[in-house]
PDB file of N, CA and C in Angstrom:
ATOM      1  N   UNK A   1      35.444 101.155  48.688  1.00  0.00           N
ATOM      2  CA  UNK A   1      34.664  99.431  47.602  1.00  0.00           C
ATOM      3  C   UNK A   1      35.130  98.801  48.447  1.00  0.00           C
ATOM      4  N   UNK A   2      33.994  97.700  48.253  1.00  0.00           N
ATOM      5  CA  UNK A   2      34.302  96.695  49.009  1.00  0.00           C
ATOM      6  C   UNK A   2      34.279  95.108  47.784  1.00  0.00           C
ATOM      7  N   UNK A   3      34.989  94.342  48.416  1.00  0.00           N
ATOM      8  CA  UNK A   3      34.131  93.134  47.303  1.00  0.00           C
ATOM      9  C   UNK A   3      35.426  91.936  47.749  1.00  0.00           C
ATOM     10  N   UNK A   4      35.264  90.871  46.848  1.00  0.00           N
ATOM     11  CA  UNK A   4      36.077  89.958  47.071  1.00  0.00           C
ATOM     12  C   UNK A   4      37.349  90.273  46.727  1.00  0.00           C
ATOM     13  N   UNK A   5      37.705  90.880  45.753  1.00  0.00           N
ATOM     14  CA  UNK A   5      38.554  91.274  45.006  1.00  0.00           C
ATOM     15  C   UNK A   5      39.431  92.643  45.445  1.00  0.00           C
ATOM     16  N   UNK A   6      39.189  93.195  45.904  1.00  0.00           N
ATOM     17  CA  UNK A   6      39.470  94.041  47.407  1.00  0.00           C
ATOM     18  C   UNK A   6      39.938  93.701  48.646  1.00  0.00           C
ATOM     19  N   UNK A   7      39.168  92.370  48.849  1.00  0.00           N
ATOM     20  CA  UNK A   7      39.403  91.631  50.387  1.00  0.00           C
ATOM     21  C   UNK A   7      41.103  91.472  51.022  1.00  0.00           C
ATOM     22  N   UNK A   8      40.932  92.008  52.261  1.00  0.00           N
ATOM     23  CA  UNK A   8      42.159  91.543  52.543  1.00  0.00           C
ATOM     24  C   UNK A   8      42.346  90.425  52.823  1.00  0.00           C
ATOM     25  N   UNK A   9      41.401  88.825  52.592  1.00  0.00           N
ATOM     26  CA  UNK A   9      42.259  87.641  52.484  1.00  0.00           C
ATOM     27  C   UNK A   9      43.009  87.460  51.257  1.00  0.00           C
ATOM     28  N   UNK A  10      42.359  88.383  50.355  1.00  0.00           N
ATOM     29  CA  UNK A  10      43.417  88.194  48.194  1.00  0.00           C
ATOM     30  C   UNK A  10      44.490  88.928  48.956  1.00  0.00           C
ATOM     31  N   UNK A  11      45.396  89.938  49.761  1.00  0.00           N
ATOM     32  CA  UNK A  11      46.675  90.591  50.210  1.00  0.00           C
ATOM     33  C   UNK A  11      47.771  89.236  50.935  1.00  0.00           C
ATOM     34  N   UNK A  12      48.851  89.883  50.356  1.00  0.00           N
ATOM     35  CA  UNK A  12      49.738  88.824  50.859  1.00  0.00           C
ATOM     36  C   UNK A  12      49.531  88.288  52.729  1.00  0.00           C
ATOM     37  N   UNK A  13      50.069  86.874  52.684  1.00  0.00           N
ATOM     38  CA  UNK A  13      49.730  87.031  54.371  1.00  0.00           C
ATOM     39  C   UNK A  13      50.300  88.082  55.853  1.00  0.00           C
ATOM     40  N   UNK A  14      52.056  88.034  54.630  1.00  0.00           N
ATOM     41  CA  UNK A  14      52.122  88.831  55.944  1.00  0.00           C
ATOM     42  C   UNK A  14      51.846  90.027  56.262  1.00  0.00           C
ATOM     43  N   UNK A  15      51.100  90.739  55.470  1.00  0.00           N
ATOM     44  CA  UNK A  15      50.056  92.118  55.486  1.00  0.00           C
ATOM     45  C   UNK A  15      49.403  91.596  56.918  1.00  0.00           C
ATOM     46  N   UNK A  16      48.791  90.414  56.405  1.00  0.00           N
ATOM     47  CA  UNK A  16      47.798  89.618  58.299  1.00  0.00           C
ATOM     48  C   UNK A  16      47.914  89.894  59.044  1.00  0.00           C
ATOM     49  N   UNK A  17      49.184  90.002  59.713  1.00  0.00           N
ATOM     50  CA  UNK A  17      50.125  89.790  60.665  1.00  0.00           C
ATOM     51  C   UNK A  17      50.849  91.038  61.133  1.00  0.00           C
ATOM     52  N   UNK A  18      50.179  91.936  60.427  1.00  0.00           N
ATOM     53  CA  UNK A  18      50.555  93.259  60.790  1.00  0.00           C
ATOM     54  C   UNK A  18      49.070  93.910  62.154  1.00  0.00           C
ATOM     55  N   UNK A  19      49.052  93.857  63.600  1.00  0.00           N
ATOM     56  CA  UNK A  19      48.097  94.036  64.359  1.00  0.00           C
ATOM     57  C   UNK A  19      48.162  95.183  64.654  1.00  0.00           C
ATOM     58  N   UNK A  20      46.980  96.350  65.086  1.00  0.00           N
ATOM     59  CA  UNK A  20      47.064  97.342  66.062  1.00  0.00           C
ATOM     60  C   UNK A  20      46.138  96.882  67.066  1.00  0.00           C
ATOM     61  N   UNK A  21      46.621  97.515  68.653  1.00  0.00           N
ATOM     62  CA  UNK A  21      46.320  96.811  69.042  1.00  0.00           C
ATOM     63  C   UNK A  21      44.860  98.698  69.648  1.00  0.00           C
ATOM     64  N   UNK A  22      44.596  99.078  69.210  1.00  0.00           N
ATOM     65  CA  UNK A  22      43.652 100.171  69.214  1.00  0.00           C
ATOM     66  C   UNK A  22      42.732  99.575  68.272  1.00  0.00           C
ATOM     67  N   UNK A  23      43.340  99.253  66.879  1.00  0.00           N
ATOM     68  CA  UNK A  23      42.024  98.415  65.791  1.00  0.00           C
ATOM     69  C   UNK A  23      42.442  97.125  65.318  1.00  0.00           C
ATOM     70  N   UNK A  24      42.670  96.229  66.406  1.00  0.00           N
ATOM     71  CA  UNK A  24      42.741  95.707  65.970  1.00  0.00           C
ATOM     72  C   UNK A  24      42.142  94.048  64.773  1.00  0.00           C
ATOM     73  N   UNK A  25      41.594  94.433  64.057  1.00  0.00           N
ATOM     74  CA  UNK A  25      41.055  93.712  62.677  1.00  0.00           C
ATOM     75  C   UNK A  25      41.179  94.665  61.499  1.00  0.00           C
ATOM     76  N   UNK A  26      41.943  95.768  61.632  1.00  0.00           N
ATOM     77  CA  UNK A  26      42.992  97.175  60.533  1.00  0.00           C
ATOM     78  C   UNK A  26      43.914  96.442  60.590  1.00  0.00           C
ATOM     79  N   UNK A  27      44.000  95.501  59.318  1.00  0.00           N
ATOM     80  CA  UNK A  27      45.290  94.728  58.830  1.00  0.00           C
ATOM     81  C   UNK A  27      46.137  95.842  57.446  1.00  0.00           C
ATOM     82  N   UNK A  28      46.089  96.843  57.019  1.00  0.00           N
ATOM     83  CA  UNK A  28      46.908  97.263  56.388  1.00  0.00           C
ATOM     84  C   UNK A  28      46.121  98.707  55.911  1.00  0.00           C
ATOM     85  N   UNK A  29      46.579  99.593  55.640  1.00  0.00           N
ATOM     86  CA  UNK A  29      46.316 101.429  55.218  1.00  0.00           C
ATOM     87  C   UNK A  29      47.277 101.485  54.765  1.00  0.00           C
ATOM     88  N   UNK A  30      47.042 101.602  52.952  1.00  0.00           N
ATOM     89  CA  UNK A  30      47.216 102.739  51.860  1.00  0.00           C
ATOM     90  C   UNK A  30      46.933 103.599  51.501  1.00  0.00           C
ATOM     91  N   UNK A  31      48.013 104.816  51.812  1.00  0.00           N
ATOM     92  CA  UNK A  31      47.322 106.174  51.560  1.00  0.00           C
ATOM     93  C   UNK A  31      47.909 106.266  49.307  1.00  0.00           C
ATOM     94  N   UNK A  32      46.247 106.681  48.859  1.00  0.00           N
ATOM     95  CA  UNK A  32      46.561 106.600  48.238  1.00  0.00           C
ATOM     96  C   UNK A  32      47.752 107.729  47.552  1.00  0.00           C
ATOM     97  N   UNK A  33      47.691 108.615  46.193  1.00  0.00           N
ATOM     98  CA  UNK A  33      48.334 109.503  45.557  1.00  0.00           C
ATOM     99  C   UNK A  33      47.400 109.736  44.544  1.00  0.00           C
ATOM    100  N   UNK A  34      47.248 111.448  45.365  1.00  0.00           N
ATOM    101  CA  UNK A  34      45.791 112.113  43.639  1.00  0.00           C
ATOM    102  C   UNK A  34      47.067 112.802  42.931  1.00  0.00           C
ATOM    103  N   UNK A  35      45.609 112.784  41.633  1.00  0.00           N
ATOM    104  CA  UNK A  35      46.636 113.209  40.471  1.00  0.00           C
ATOM    105  C   UNK A  35      46.183 114.689  40.277  1.00  0.00           C
ATOM    106  N   UNK A  36      46.805 115.564  40.783  1.00  0.00           N
ATOM    107  CA  UNK A  36      46.546 116.786  40.086  1.00  0.00           C
ATOM    108  C   UNK A  36      46.929 117.645  39.159  1.00  0.00           C
ATOM    109  N   UNK A  37      47.430 116.811  38.016  1.00  0.00           N
ATOM    110  CA  UNK A  37      47.502 117.474  36.602  1.00  0.00           C
ATOM    111  C   UNK A  37      45.743 117.601  36.007  1.00  0.00           C
ATOM    112  N   UNK A  38      46.219 118.642  35.406  1.00  0.00           N
ATOM    113  CA  UNK A  38      45.116 119.524  34.600  1.00  0.00           C
ATOM    114  C   UNK A  38      44.970 119.282  33.314  1.00  0.00           C
ATOM    115  N   UNK A  39      45.759 118.347  32.792  1.00  0.00           N
ATOM    116  CA  UNK A  39      46.503 118.025  30.596  1.00  0.00           C
ATOM    117  C   UNK A  39      45.169 117.098  30.745  1.00  0.00           C
ATOM    118  N   UNK A  40      43.958 117.412  30.305  1.00  0.00           N
ATOM    119  CA  UNK A  40      43.496 116.400  29.939  1.00  0.00           C
ATOM    120  C   UNK A  40      42.091 117.102  28.424  1.00  0.00           C
ATOM    121  N   UNK A  41      42.047 116.033  27.628  1.00  0.00           N
ATOM    122  CA  UNK A  41      41.510 116.733  26.067  1.00  0.00           C
ATOM    123  C   UNK A  41      40.044 116.220  26.467  1.00  0.00           C
ATOM    124  N   UNK A  42      39.697 117.859  26.060  1.00  0.00           N
ATOM    125  CA  UNK A  42      38.480 118.618  26.523  1.00  0.00           C
ATOM    126  C   UNK A  42      37.558 117.964  25.119  1.00  0.00           C
ATOM    127  N   UNK A  43      36.102 117.925  25.608  1.00  0.00           N
ATOM    128  CA  UNK A  43      35.085 117.677  24.265  1.00  0.00           C
ATOM    129  C   UNK A  43      34.291 118.082  23.882  1.00  0.00           C
ATOM    130  N   UNK A  44      33.190 118.201  23.184  1.00  0.00           N
ATOM    131  CA  UNK A  44      32.129 119.240  23.555  1.00  0.00           C
ATOM    132  C   UNK A  44      30.854 118.745  24.204  1.00  0.00           C
ATOM    133  N   UNK A  45      30.744 116.746  24.245  1.00  0.00           N
ATOM    134  CA  UNK A  45      29.680 116.858  25.351  1.00  0.00           C
ATOM    135  C   UNK A  45      30.585 116.653  26.517  1.00  0.00           C
ATOM    136  N   UNK A  46      29.216 116.461  26.615  1.00  0.00           N
ATOM    137  CA  UNK A  46      29.389 116.740  28.600  1.00  0.00           C
ATOM    138  C   UNK A  46      29.747 115.448  28.987  1.00  0.00           C
ATOM    139  N   UNK A  47      30.401 114.506  29.629  1.00  0.00           N
ATOM    140  CA  UNK A  47      29.643 112.890  30.156  1.00  0.00           C
ATOM    141  C   UNK A  47      30.219 113.109  31.938  1.00  0.00           C
ATOM    142  N   UNK A  48      29.161 113.331  32.240  1.00  0.00           N
ATOM    143  CA  UNK A  48      29.255 113.097  33.972  1.00  0.00           C
ATOM    144  C   UNK A  48      29.878 111.809  33.999  1.00  0.00           C
ATOM    145  N   UNK A  49      30.283 111.238  33.836  1.00  0.00           N
ATOM    146  CA  UNK A  49      31.333 110.246  34.628  1.00  0.00           C
ATOM    147  C   UNK A  49      32.422 110.423  34.324  1.00  0.00           C
ATOM    148  N   UNK A  50      32.784 111.008  33.325  1.00  0.00           N
ATOM    149  CA  UNK A  50      33.780 111.781  33.084  1.00  0.00           C
ATOM    150  C   UNK A  50      34.285 112.731  33.950  1.00  0.00           C
ATOM    151  N   UNK A  51      33.329 113.528  34.023  1.00  0.00           N
ATOM    152  CA  UNK A  51      33.464 114.772  35.205  1.00  0.00           C
ATOM    153  C   UNK A  51      33.566 113.626  36.899  1.00  0.00           C
ATOM    154  N   UNK A  52      33.071 113.102  36.636  1.00  0.00           N
ATOM    155  CA  UNK A  52      33.646 112.571  38.268  1.00  0.00           C
ATOM    156  C   UNK A  52      34.117 111.489  38.559  1.00  0.00           C
ATOM    157  N   UNK A  53      35.283 110.925  37.154  1.00  0.00           N
ATOM    158  CA  UNK A  53      36.628 110.183  37.535  1.00  0.00           C
ATOM    159  C   UNK A  53      37.602 111.571  37.913  1.00  0.00           C
ATOM    160  N   UNK A  54      37.175 112.792  36.902  1.00  0.00           N
ATOM    161  CA  UNK A  54      38.047 113.383  36.974  1.00  0.00           C
ATOM    162  C   UNK A  54      38.272 114.484  37.825  1.00  0.00           C
ATOM    163  N   UNK A  55      37.217 114.290  38.848  1.00  0.00           N
ATOM    164  CA  UNK A  55      37.023 115.234  40.308  1.00  0.00           C
ATOM    165  C   UNK A  55      37.395 114.549  41.110  1.00  0.00           C
ATOM    166  N   UNK A  56      36.894 112.760  41.286  1.00  0.00           N
ATOM    167  CA  UNK A  56      37.443 112.062  42.474  1.00  0.00           C
ATOM    168  C   UNK A  56      39.150 111.667  42.593  1.00  0.00           C
ATOM    169  N   UNK A  57      39.639 112.154  41.154  1.00  0.00           N
ATOM    170  CA  UNK A  57      41.033 112.217  40.876  1.00  0.00           C
ATOM    171  C   UNK A  57      41.844 112.739  42.184  1.00  0.00           C
ATOM    172  N   UNK A  58      41.743 113.990  41.696  1.00  0.00           N
ATOM    173  CA  UNK A  58      42.431 115.170  43.001  1.00  0.00           C
ATOM    174  C   UNK A  58      41.675 115.079  44.537  1.00  0.00           C
ATOM    175  N   UNK A  59      40.816 113.698  44.600  1.00  0.00           N
ATOM    176  CA  UNK A  59      40.551 113.822  46.496  1.00  0.00           C
ATOM    177  C   UNK A  59      41.339 112.995  46.607  1.00  0.00           C
ATOM    178  N   UNK A  60      42.254 113.299  47.711  1.00  0.00           N
ATOM    179  CA  UNK A  60      43.268 112.655  48.569  1.00  0.00           C
ATOM    180  C   UNK A  60      42.691 111.163  48.882  1.00  0.00           C
ATOM    181  N   UNK A  61      42.480 109.597  49.445  1.00  0.00           N
ATOM    182  CA  UNK A  61      42.235 109.216  49.574  1.00  0.00           C
ATOM    183  C   UNK A  61      42.298 108.155  50.046  1.00  0.00           C
ATOM    184  N   UNK A  62      42.654 106.867  51.269  1.00  0.00           N
ATOM    185  CA  UNK A  62      43.053 106.018  51.375  1.00  0.00           C
ATOM    186  C   UNK A  62      42.170 104.382  50.769  1.00  0.00           C
ATOM    187  N   UNK A  63      43.126 103.676  51.541  1.00  0.00           N
ATOM    188  CA  UNK A  63      42.417 101.818  51.274  1.00  0.00           C
ATOM    189  C   UNK A  63      42.562 101.509  52.694  1.00  0.00           C
ATOM    190  N   UNK A  64      41.777 101.231  53.501  1.00  0.00           N
ATOM    191  CA  UNK A  64      42.017 100.442  54.561  1.00  0.00           C
ATOM    192  C   UNK A  64      41.823  98.962  54.393  1.00  0.00           C
ATOM    193  N   UNK A  65      42.130  98.053  54.734  1.00  0.00           N
ATOM    194  CA  UNK A  65      42.060  96.971  54.272  1.00  0.00           C
ATOM    195  C   UNK A  65      41.950  96.111  56.029  1.00  0.00           C
ATOM    196  N   UNK A  66      40.483  95.734  56.281  1.00  0.00           N
ATOM    197  CA  UNK A  66      40.449  94.677  57.471  1.00  0.00           C
ATOM    198  C   UNK A  66      39.967  93.663  57.265  1.00  0.00           C
ATOM    199  N   UNK A  67      40.294  92.895  57.890  1.00  0.00           N
ATOM    200  CA  UNK A  67      40.394  91.400  58.085  1.00  0.00           C
ATOM    201  C   UNK A  67      39.264  91.202  58.999  1.00  0.00           C
ATOM    202  N   UNK A  68      38.197  90.054  59.480  1.00  0.00           N
ATOM    203  CA  UNK A  68      37.849  89.764  60.308  1.00  0.00           C
ATOM    204  C   UNK A  68      37.715  87.762  60.585  1.00  0.00           C
ATOM    205  N   UNK A  69      38.584  87.361  59.610  1.00  0.00           N
ATOM    206  CA  UNK A  69      39.002  86.640  59.792  1.00  0.00           C
ATOM    207  C   UNK A  69      38.928  85.309  61.322  1.00  0.00           C
ATOM    208  N   UNK A  70      39.118  85.906  62.225  1.00  0.00           N
ATOM    209  CA  UNK A  70      39.405  85.344  63.315  1.00  0.00           C
ATOM    210  C   UNK A  70      38.149  85.858  64.534  1.00  0.00           C
ATOM    211  N   UNK A  71      37.105  85.719  63.848  1.00  0.00           N
ATOM    212  CA  UNK A  71      36.156  86.269  63.950  1.00  0.00           C
ATOM    213  C   UNK A  71      34.923  85.589  63.496  1.00  0.00           C
ATOM    214  N   UNK A  72      33.509  85.505  64.596  1.00  0.00           N
ATOM    215  CA  UNK A  72      32.483  84.605  64.517  1.00  0.00           C
ATOM    216  C   UNK A  72      32.422  85.482  63.787  1.00  0.00           C
ATOM    217  N   UNK A  73      32.078  86.530  63.604  1.00  0.00           N
ATOM    218  CA  UNK A  73      31.023  87.689  63.018  1.00  0.00           C
ATOM    219  C   UNK A  73      31.560  87.969  61.471  1.00  0.00           C
ATOM    220  N   UNK A  74      32.828  86.776  60.872  1.00  0.00           N
ATOM    221  CA  UNK A  74      33.212  86.746  59.361  1.00  0.00           C
ATOM    222  C   UNK A  74      32.377  86.080  58.654  1.00  0.00           C
ATOM    223  N   UNK A  75      30.975  85.909  59.075  1.00  0.00           N
ATOM    224  CA  UNK A  75      30.250  85.441  57.864  1.00  0.00           C
ATOM    225  C   UNK A  75      29.413  86.664  57.531  1.00  0.00           C
ATOM    226  N   UNK A  76      29.418  87.649  58.306  1.00  0.00           N
ATOM    227  CA  UNK A  76      28.367  89.164  57.918  1.00  0.00           C
ATOM    228  C   UNK A  76      29.200  89.701  57.752  1.00  0.00           C
ATOM    229  N   UNK A  77      30.509  90.247  57.405  1.00  0.00           N
ATOM    230  CA  UNK A  77      31.377  90.967  57.641  1.00  0.00           C
ATOM    231  C   UNK A  77      31.239  92.631  57.402  1.00  0.00           C
ATOM    232  N   UNK A  78      30.515  93.063  55.826  1.00  0.00           N
ATOM    233  CA  UNK A  78      29.530  93.822  55.128  1.00  0.00           C
ATOM    234  C   UNK A  78      28.771  94.873  56.921  1.00  0.00           C
ATOM    235  N   UNK A  79      28.094  93.616  57.225  1.00  0.00           N
ATOM    236  CA  UNK A  79      27.015  93.823  58.422  1.00  0.00           C
ATOM    237  C   UNK A  79      28.058  94.638  59.543  1.00  0.00           C
ATOM    238  N   UNK A  80      29.024  93.547  59.643  1.00  0.00           N
ATOM    239  CA  UNK A  80      29.787  94.066  61.025  1.00  0.00           C
ATOM    240  C   UNK A  80      31.203  95.534  61.093  1.00  0.00           C
ATOM    241  N   UNK A  81      30.917  95.710  59.369  1.00  0.00           N
ATOM    242  CA  UNK A  81      32.077  97.277  59.478  1.00  0.00           C
ATOM    243  C   UNK A  81      30.934  98.442  59.696  1.00  0.00           C
ATOM    244  N   UNK A  82      29.815  98.072  58.851  1.00  0.00           N
ATOM    245  CA  UNK A  82      28.875  99.117  59.475  1.00  0.00           C
ATOM    246  C   UNK A  82      28.276  98.771  60.909  1.00  0.00           C
ATOM    247  N   UNK A  83      28.454  97.684  61.383  1.00  0.00           N
ATOM    248  CA  UNK A  83      28.185  97.839  62.993  1.00  0.00           C
ATOM    249  C   UNK A  83      26.793  97.899  63.557  1.00  0.00           C
ATOM    250  N   UNK A  84      25.754  97.134  61.940  1.00  0.00           N
ATOM    251  CA  UNK A  84      24.296  97.328  61.548  1.00  0.00           C
ATOM    252  C   UNK A  84      23.910  96.968  63.779  1.00  0.00           C
ATOM    253  N   UNK A  85      24.017  96.592  64.424  1.00  0.00           N
ATOM    254  CA  UNK A  85      23.478  96.175  65.609  1.00  0.00           C
ATOM    255  C   UNK A  85      24.931  95.691  66.360  1.00  0.00           C
ATOM    256  N   UNK A  86      24.822  96.387  67.833  1.00  0.00           N
ATOM    257  CA  UNK A  86      25.772  96.541  67.785  1.00  0.00           C
ATOM    258  C   UNK A  86      26.305  95.011  68.654  1.00  0.00           C
ATOM    259  N   UNK A  87      25.602  94.458  69.578  1.00  0.00           N
ATOM    260  CA  UNK A  87      25.879  92.818  70.104  1.00  0.00           C
ATOM    261  C   UNK A  87      25.364  92.267  69.036  1.00  0.00           C
ATOM    262  N   UNK A  88      25.552  92.124  68.155  1.00  0.00           N
ATOM    263  CA  UNK A  88      25.423  91.136  66.685  1.00  0.00           C
ATOM    264  C   UNK A  88      26.675  91.384  66.066  1.00  0.00           C
ATOM    265  N   UNK A  89      26.979  92.799  65.691  1.00  0.00           N
ATOM    266  CA  UNK A  89      28.549  93.271  65.018  1.00  0.00           C
ATOM    267  C   UNK A  89      29.601  94.549  65.580  1.00  0.00           C
ATOM    268  N   UNK A  90      29.548  93.881  66.959  1.00  0.00           N
ATOM    269  CA  UNK A  90      30.945  94.318  67.523  1.00  0.00           C
ATOM    270  C   UNK A  90      31.657  94.802  66.928  1.00  0.00           C
ATOM    271  N   UNK A  91      32.419  93.430  66.367  1.00  0.00           N
ATOM    272  CA  UNK A  91      33.664  93.534  65.943  1.00  0.00           C
ATOM    273  C   UNK A  91      34.037  94.694  65.032  1.00  0.00           C
ATOM    274  N   UNK A  92      33.005  95.081  64.131  1.00  0.00           N
ATOM    275  CA  UNK A  92      33.423  96.210  63.760  1.00  0.00           C
ATOM    276  C   UNK A  92      33.668  97.640  64.095  1.00  0.00           C
ATOM    277  N   UNK A  93      33.073  97.824  65.883  1.00  0.00           N
ATOM    278  CA  UNK A  93      33.518  99.327  66.186  1.00  0.00           C
ATOM    279  C   UNK A  93      34.999  99.732  66.154  1.00  0.00           C
ATOM    280  N   UNK A  94      36.315  98.773  66.124  1.00  0.00           N
ATOM    281  CA  UNK A  94      37.312  99.358  66.302  1.00  0.00           C
ATOM    282  C   UNK A  94      37.409  99.937  64.350  1.00  0.00           C
ATOM    283  N   UNK A  95      36.791  99.465  63.659  1.00  0.00           N
ATOM    284  CA  UNK A  95      36.931  99.990  61.659  1.00  0.00           C
ATOM    285  C   UNK A  95      36.177 101.352  61.991  1.00  0.00           C
ATOM    286  N   UNK A  96      35.461 101.366  62.854  1.00  0.00           N
ATOM    287  CA  UNK A  96      34.581 102.626  62.954  1.00  0.00           C
ATOM    288  C   UNK A  96      35.466 103.735  63.167  1.00  0.00           C
ATOM    289  N   UNK A  97      35.431 103.588  64.437  1.00  0.00           N
ATOM    290  CA  UNK A  97      36.383 104.429  65.467  1.00  0.00           C
ATOM    291  C   UNK A  97      37.350 104.931  64.796  1.00  0.00           C
ATOM    292  N   UNK A  98      38.263 104.110  63.606  1.00  0.00           N
ATOM    293  CA  UNK A  98      39.485 104.122  62.597  1.00  0.00           C
ATOM    294  C   UNK A  98      39.052 105.143  62.420  1.00  0.00           C
ATOM    295  N   UNK A  99      38.046 105.111  61.387  1.00  0.00           N
ATOM    296  CA  UNK A  99      37.375 106.063  60.698  1.00  0.00           C
ATOM    297  C   UNK A  99      37.201 107.627  61.039  1.00  0.00           C
ATOM    298  N   UNK A 100      36.428 107.876  62.037  1.00  0.00           N
ATOM    299  CA  UNK A 100      36.244 108.787  62.908  1.00  0.00           C
ATOM    300  C   UNK A 100      37.956 109.552  63.319  1.00  0.00           C
ATOM    301  N   UNK A 101      38.557 108.566  63.252  1.00  0.00           N
ATOM    302  CA  UNK A 101      40.052 108.867  63.774  1.00  0.00           C
ATOM    303  C   UNK A 101      40.633 109.754  63.250  1.00  0.00           C
ATOM    304  N   UNK A 102      40.739 109.371  61.951  1.00  0.00           N
ATOM    305  CA  UNK A 102      41.750 109.795  60.916  1.00  0.00           C
ATOM    306  C   UNK A 102      40.357 110.195  59.997  1.00  0.00           C
ATOM    307  N   UNK A 103      39.110 110.752  59.686  1.00  0.00           N
ATOM    308  CA  UNK A 103      38.559 111.474  59.158  1.00  0.00           C
ATOM    309  C   UNK A 103      38.756 112.875  59.296  1.00  0.00           C
ATOM    310  N   UNK A 104      39.016 113.400  57.116  1.00  0.00           N
ATOM    311  CA  UNK A 104      40.007 114.655  57.537  1.00  0.00           C
ATOM    312  C   UNK A 104      38.236 115.679  56.676  1.00  0.00           C
ATOM    313  N   UNK A 105      38.606 117.350  57.443  1.00  0.00           N
ATOM    314  CA  UNK A 105      37.732 117.534  56.961  1.00  0.00           C
ATOM    315  C   UNK A 105      38.244 119.024  55.890  1.00  0.00           C
TER     316      UNK A 105
END
């Protein structure tokens, strides 16, 4: 999920000082907590939204905050993260590398 409310610019400034040489645009990684509680109120009606939320709370996740604040590509940050075109969005390559290096199957 990405958006202004979730962006790294809204984080406290001391987090923005933490840098990793391998992933310079990754400023913070938050390991999420899974909810394995099976205590739930069952209903006679099937609610796909509730089923999806129940499933997602059981999957491990992490929140990765990135900052392109000092990059010339900061105005197109969503495209930069996706590295749609390497010559235009090359600053996001370290974010993709971080995802590949930390992807769990």
